[in-house]
Amino acid sequence: MFFGRKACVRWGDSSNSPGNGSSDGQFGELEEMPMPESNKERRFGTVAIEMGFATVDQVLTAMNIQVRENVENGEHRLLGMILVEMGVMKRSQVTEVLLAMGVPM
């Protein structure tokens, strides 16, 4: 249910780390890491829906934004970032989804 590279991220700058209470859309530096083999089929959007953090329509809207930006600008933003900027999810919820996916934090 998620289009994009098979990768995950690690939060960089602790002042902008998930769950810091900030909702300014700023994430600090993100380090892309290969997604563990066992988690490649559990996509971020699917897990966010399963955990009750987003609806199918919200994830599809975010995916539409993601694909459009990728095509228009060659820029690939992560789905969690887009959902936070849309006001659908909090950073702490993004972290919860990543942990549920088995992404090392």
N, C-alpha and C. Protein backbone atom coordinates (compact mmCIF):
# COMPACT_ATOMS: atom_id res chain seq x y z
N MET A 1 0.81 -1.20 0.00
CA MET A 1 0.00 0.00 0.00
C MET A 1 0.85 1.26 0.00
N PHE A 2 2.14 1.14 0.01
CA PHE A 2 3.05 2.27 0.05
C PHE A 2 3.97 2.19 -1.14
N PHE A 3 4.04 3.26 -1.91
CA PHE A 3 4.95 3.30 -3.04
C PHE A 3 6.23 3.97 -2.59
N GLY A 4 7.35 3.46 -2.99
CA GLY A 4 8.60 4.11 -2.65
C GLY A 4 9.70 3.12 -2.42
N ARG A 5 10.84 3.66 -2.05
CA ARG A 5 12.00 2.83 -1.81
C ARG A 5 11.81 1.99 -0.58
N LYS A 6 12.46 0.87 -0.56
CA LYS A 6 12.40 -0.01 0.60
C LYS A 6 13.50 0.42 1.57
N ALA A 7 13.17 1.43 2.35
CA ALA A 7 14.13 1.99 3.30
C ALA A 7 13.40 2.50 4.52
N CYS A 8 14.13 2.73 5.56
CA CYS A 8 13.56 3.31 6.76
C CYS A 8 14.50 4.43 7.19
N VAL A 9 14.13 5.16 8.22
CA VAL A 9 14.95 6.29 8.63
C VAL A 9 15.26 6.22 10.11
N ARG A 10 16.29 6.90 10.47
CA ARG A 10 16.63 7.10 11.88
C ARG A 10 16.65 8.60 12.10
N TRP A 11 15.99 9.06 13.16
CA TRP A 11 15.96 10.48 13.47
C TRP A 11 17.35 10.94 13.85
N GLY A 12 17.74 12.12 13.39
CA GLY A 12 19.06 12.67 13.68
C GLY A 12 19.03 13.58 14.88
N ASP A 13 18.98 14.87 14.65
CA ASP A 13 19.04 15.91 15.65
C ASP A 13 18.01 15.67 16.75
N SER A 14 18.47 15.50 17.99
CA SER A 14 17.57 15.18 19.09
C SER A 14 16.60 16.31 19.41
N SER A 15 16.95 17.55 19.04
CA SER A 15 16.03 18.66 19.30
C SER A 15 14.79 18.57 18.44
N ASN A 16 14.88 17.81 17.35
CA ASN A 16 13.73 17.63 16.46
C ASN A 16 13.29 16.18 16.43
N SER A 17 13.61 15.43 17.46
CA SER A 17 13.29 14.01 17.46
C SER A 17 11.80 13.79 17.65
N PRO A 18 11.31 12.64 17.24
CA PRO A 18 9.89 12.35 17.38
C PRO A 18 9.46 12.42 18.83
N GLY A 19 8.25 12.94 19.03
CA GLY A 19 7.70 12.97 20.38
C GLY A 19 8.19 14.14 21.21
N ASN A 20 8.88 15.12 20.56
CA ASN A 20 9.37 16.25 21.33
C ASN A 20 8.29 17.30 21.55
N GLY A 21 7.08 17.00 21.05
CA GLY A 21 5.97 17.91 21.27
C GLY A 21 5.85 18.98 20.22
N SER A 22 6.82 19.09 19.34
CA SER A 22 6.77 20.09 18.30
C SER A 22 5.94 19.60 17.14
N SER A 23 5.15 20.49 16.58
CA SER A 23 4.36 20.11 15.41
C SER A 23 4.69 21.03 14.24
N ASP A 24 5.92 21.55 14.21
CA ASP A 24 6.30 22.51 13.19
C ASP A 24 6.66 21.88 11.85
N GLY A 25 6.62 20.56 11.77
CA GLY A 25 6.92 19.89 10.51
C GLY A 25 8.41 19.76 10.25
N GLN A 26 9.25 20.25 11.14
CA GLN A 26 10.69 20.15 10.97
C GLN A 26 11.18 18.86 11.60
N PHE A 27 11.99 18.11 10.87
CA PHE A 27 12.39 16.80 11.35
C PHE A 27 13.87 16.69 11.64
N GLY A 28 14.66 17.72 11.39
CA GLY A 28 16.10 17.57 11.57
C GLY A 28 16.63 16.64 10.50
N GLU A 29 17.82 16.15 10.70
CA GLU A 29 18.42 15.27 9.71
C GLU A 29 17.89 13.86 9.88
N LEU A 30 17.61 13.23 8.76
CA LEU A 30 17.16 11.84 8.76
C LEU A 30 18.20 11.01 8.05
N GLU A 31 18.52 9.89 8.61
CA GLU A 31 19.50 8.99 8.02
C GLU A 31 18.75 7.80 7.43
N GLU A 32 18.86 7.62 6.11
CA GLU A 32 18.20 6.48 5.49
C GLU A 32 19.01 5.23 5.73
N MET A 33 18.31 4.16 6.08
CA MET A 33 18.96 2.87 6.33
C MET A 33 18.19 1.82 5.55
N PRO A 34 18.82 0.73 5.17
CA PRO A 34 18.08 -0.35 4.52
C PRO A 34 17.05 -0.92 5.49
N MET A 35 15.87 -1.23 4.96
CA MET A 35 14.83 -1.82 5.79
C MET A 35 15.17 -3.29 6.02
N PRO A 36 15.03 -3.77 7.25
CA PRO A 36 15.30 -5.18 7.51
C PRO A 36 14.45 -6.06 6.60
N GLU A 37 15.02 -7.15 6.09
CA GLU A 37 14.33 -8.06 5.17
C GLU A 37 12.96 -8.48 5.67
N SER A 38 12.84 -8.76 6.97
CA SER A 38 11.59 -9.28 7.51
C SER A 38 10.47 -8.24 7.51
N ASN A 39 10.79 -6.96 7.31
CA ASN A 39 9.79 -5.90 7.40
C ASN A 39 9.41 -5.29 6.06
N LYS A 40 9.95 -5.78 4.99
CA LYS A 40 9.73 -5.13 3.70
C LYS A 40 8.28 -5.17 3.25
N GLU A 41 7.51 -6.14 3.69
CA GLU A 41 6.12 -6.23 3.27
C GLU A 41 5.18 -5.47 4.19
N ARG A 42 5.63 -5.05 5.35
CA ARG A 42 4.79 -4.26 6.26
C ARG A 42 5.07 -2.79 5.98
N ARG A 43 4.25 -2.20 5.21
CA ARG A 43 4.43 -0.81 4.79
C ARG A 43 3.92 0.16 5.84
N PHE A 44 4.55 1.34 5.86
CA PHE A 44 4.24 2.34 6.86
C PHE A 44 2.74 2.67 6.89
N GLY A 45 2.16 2.95 5.72
CA GLY A 45 0.76 3.33 5.66
C GLY A 45 -0.16 2.25 6.19
N THR A 46 0.12 1.01 5.85
CA THR A 46 -0.70 -0.10 6.31
C THR A 46 -0.64 -0.22 7.83
N VAL A 47 0.54 -0.12 8.39
CA VAL A 47 0.70 -0.23 9.84
C VAL A 47 0.03 0.95 10.54
N ALA A 48 0.16 2.16 9.99
CA ALA A 48 -0.48 3.34 10.58
C ALA A 48 -1.99 3.16 10.63
N ILE A 49 -2.55 2.57 9.58
CA ILE A 49 -4.00 2.31 9.54
C ILE A 49 -4.36 1.25 10.58
N GLU A 50 -3.59 0.17 10.62
CA GLU A 50 -3.86 -0.91 11.57
C GLU A 50 -3.81 -0.41 13.01
N MET A 51 -2.92 0.53 13.30
CA MET A 51 -2.77 1.05 14.65
C MET A 51 -3.79 2.15 14.98
N GLY A 52 -4.60 2.53 14.00
CA GLY A 52 -5.64 3.53 14.22
C GLY A 52 -5.15 4.97 14.18
N PHE A 53 -3.94 5.20 13.65
CA PHE A 53 -3.39 6.56 13.59
C PHE A 53 -3.82 7.32 12.34
N ALA A 54 -4.28 6.60 11.32
CA ALA A 54 -4.71 7.23 10.07
C ALA A 54 -5.78 6.37 9.43
N THR A 55 -6.58 7.01 8.59
CA THR A 55 -7.59 6.28 7.84
C THR A 55 -7.02 5.92 6.46
N VAL A 56 -7.72 5.04 5.78
CA VAL A 56 -7.30 4.67 4.42
C VAL A 56 -7.27 5.92 3.54
N ASP A 57 -8.30 6.75 3.62
CA ASP A 57 -8.35 7.96 2.80
C ASP A 57 -7.19 8.91 3.09
N GLN A 58 -6.83 9.05 4.37
CA GLN A 58 -5.71 9.93 4.73
C GLN A 58 -4.39 9.39 4.19
N VAL A 59 -4.18 8.09 4.27
CA VAL A 59 -2.95 7.49 3.75
C VAL A 59 -2.92 7.62 2.23
N LEU A 60 -4.04 7.40 1.57
CA LEU A 60 -4.08 7.54 0.11
C LEU A 60 -3.81 8.98 -0.32
N THR A 61 -4.33 9.95 0.43
CA THR A 61 -4.05 11.36 0.14
C THR A 61 -2.56 11.63 0.29
N ALA A 62 -1.96 11.14 1.37
CA ALA A 62 -0.53 11.33 1.60
C ALA A 62 0.29 10.66 0.50
N MET A 63 -0.12 9.48 0.07
CA MET A 63 0.59 8.78 -1.00
C MET A 63 0.49 9.55 -2.31
N ASN A 64 -0.67 10.14 -2.56
CA ASN A 64 -0.86 10.95 -3.76
C ASN A 64 0.11 12.14 -3.75
N ILE A 65 0.21 12.79 -2.61
CA ILE A 65 1.16 13.91 -2.46
C ILE A 65 2.58 13.41 -2.69
N GLN A 66 2.91 12.28 -2.09
CA GLN A 66 4.26 11.72 -2.20
C GLN A 66 4.62 11.43 -3.65
N VAL A 67 3.73 10.78 -4.37
CA VAL A 67 4.00 10.42 -5.77
C VAL A 67 4.06 11.66 -6.64
N ARG A 68 3.13 12.59 -6.44
CA ARG A 68 3.13 13.83 -7.24
C ARG A 68 4.43 14.61 -7.06
N GLU A 69 4.88 14.77 -5.80
CA GLU A 69 6.14 15.48 -5.55
C GLU A 69 7.31 14.76 -6.18
N ASN A 70 7.27 13.43 -6.11
CA ASN A 70 8.36 12.64 -6.67
C ASN A 70 8.43 12.84 -8.18
N VAL A 71 7.29 12.86 -8.84
CA VAL A 71 7.25 13.03 -10.29
C VAL A 71 7.60 14.46 -10.68
N GLU A 72 7.03 15.43 -9.98
CA GLU A 72 7.23 16.83 -10.34
C GLU A 72 8.61 17.37 -9.98
N ASN A 73 9.12 16.98 -8.81
CA ASN A 73 10.37 17.56 -8.30
C ASN A 73 11.51 16.57 -8.21
N GLY A 74 11.21 15.29 -8.38
CA GLY A 74 12.24 14.28 -8.15
C GLY A 74 12.57 14.13 -6.68
N GLU A 75 11.69 14.68 -5.83
CA GLU A 75 11.90 14.65 -4.38
C GLU A 75 11.04 13.56 -3.77
N HIS A 76 11.65 12.71 -2.96
CA HIS A 76 10.90 11.63 -2.30
C HIS A 76 10.82 11.91 -0.81
N ARG A 77 9.62 12.32 -0.37
CA ARG A 77 9.42 12.52 1.07
C ARG A 77 8.78 11.28 1.65
N LEU A 78 9.13 10.98 2.87
CA LEU A 78 8.60 9.81 3.55
C LEU A 78 7.15 10.04 3.95
N LEU A 79 6.37 8.98 3.89
CA LEU A 79 4.94 9.06 4.15
C LEU A 79 4.65 9.60 5.55
N GLY A 80 5.42 9.19 6.54
CA GLY A 80 5.22 9.68 7.90
C GLY A 80 5.37 11.18 7.99
N MET A 81 6.35 11.75 7.29
CA MET A 81 6.54 13.20 7.29
C MET A 81 5.32 13.91 6.72
N ILE A 82 4.82 13.37 5.63
CA ILE A 82 3.66 13.98 4.98
C ILE A 82 2.45 13.91 5.90
N LEU A 83 2.22 12.77 6.54
CA LEU A 83 1.08 12.63 7.45
C LEU A 83 1.20 13.58 8.64
N VAL A 84 2.40 13.82 9.14
CA VAL A 84 2.59 14.79 10.23
C VAL A 84 2.26 16.19 9.72
N GLU A 85 2.77 16.54 8.56
CA GLU A 85 2.51 17.87 8.01
C GLU A 85 1.03 18.08 7.70
N MET A 86 0.32 17.01 7.37
CA MET A 86 -1.13 17.09 7.13
C MET A 86 -1.90 17.23 8.44
N GLY A 87 -1.24 17.01 9.58
CA GLY A 87 -1.90 17.07 10.87
C GLY A 87 -2.63 15.78 11.24
N VAL A 88 -2.37 14.72 10.49
CA VAL A 88 -3.02 13.43 10.74
C VAL A 88 -2.34 12.69 11.88
N MET A 89 -1.02 12.72 11.90
CA MET A 89 -0.24 11.97 12.90
C MET A 89 0.69 12.91 13.64
N LYS A 90 1.05 12.48 14.84
CA LYS A 90 2.08 13.17 15.62
C LYS A 90 3.40 12.44 15.40
N ARG A 91 4.48 13.14 15.66
CA ARG A 91 5.80 12.51 15.51
C ARG A 91 5.93 11.26 16.38
N SER A 92 5.39 11.31 17.57
CA SER A 92 5.48 10.15 18.46
C SER A 92 4.75 8.95 17.85
N GLN A 93 3.68 9.21 17.13
CA GLN A 93 2.96 8.12 16.47
C GLN A 93 3.76 7.55 15.30
N VAL A 94 4.48 8.41 14.59
CA VAL A 94 5.36 7.93 13.52
C VAL A 94 6.40 6.98 14.11
N THR A 95 6.95 7.36 15.25
CA THR A 95 7.93 6.51 15.92
C THR A 95 7.30 5.18 16.33
N GLU A 96 6.07 5.23 16.86
CA GLU A 96 5.38 3.99 17.26
C GLU A 96 5.18 3.06 16.06
N VAL A 97 4.82 3.61 14.92
CA VAL A 97 4.63 2.81 13.71
C VAL A 97 5.96 2.17 13.31
N LEU A 98 7.03 2.97 13.30
CA LEU A 98 8.34 2.44 12.92
C LEU A 98 8.78 1.33 13.86
N LEU A 99 8.54 1.52 15.14
CA LEU A 99 8.90 0.47 16.11
C LEU A 99 8.07 -0.79 15.88
N ALA A 100 6.78 -0.61 15.59
CA ALA A 100 5.91 -1.76 15.31
C ALA A 100 6.37 -2.51 14.06
N MET A 101 7.00 -1.78 13.15
CA MET A 101 7.52 -2.40 11.92
C MET A 101 8.87 -3.09 12.17
N GLY A 102 9.41 -2.90 13.38
CA GLY A 102 10.68 -3.51 13.70
C GLY A 102 11.87 -2.70 13.25
N VAL A 103 11.65 -1.42 12.97
CA VAL A 103 12.74 -0.55 12.54
C VAL A 103 13.58 -0.18 13.75
N PRO A 104 14.88 -0.42 13.70
CA PRO A 104 15.72 -0.04 14.84
C PRO A 104 15.77 1.47 15.00
N MET A 105 15.58 1.92 16.22
CA MET A 105 15.56 3.37 16.48
C MET A 105 16.75 3.77 17.32
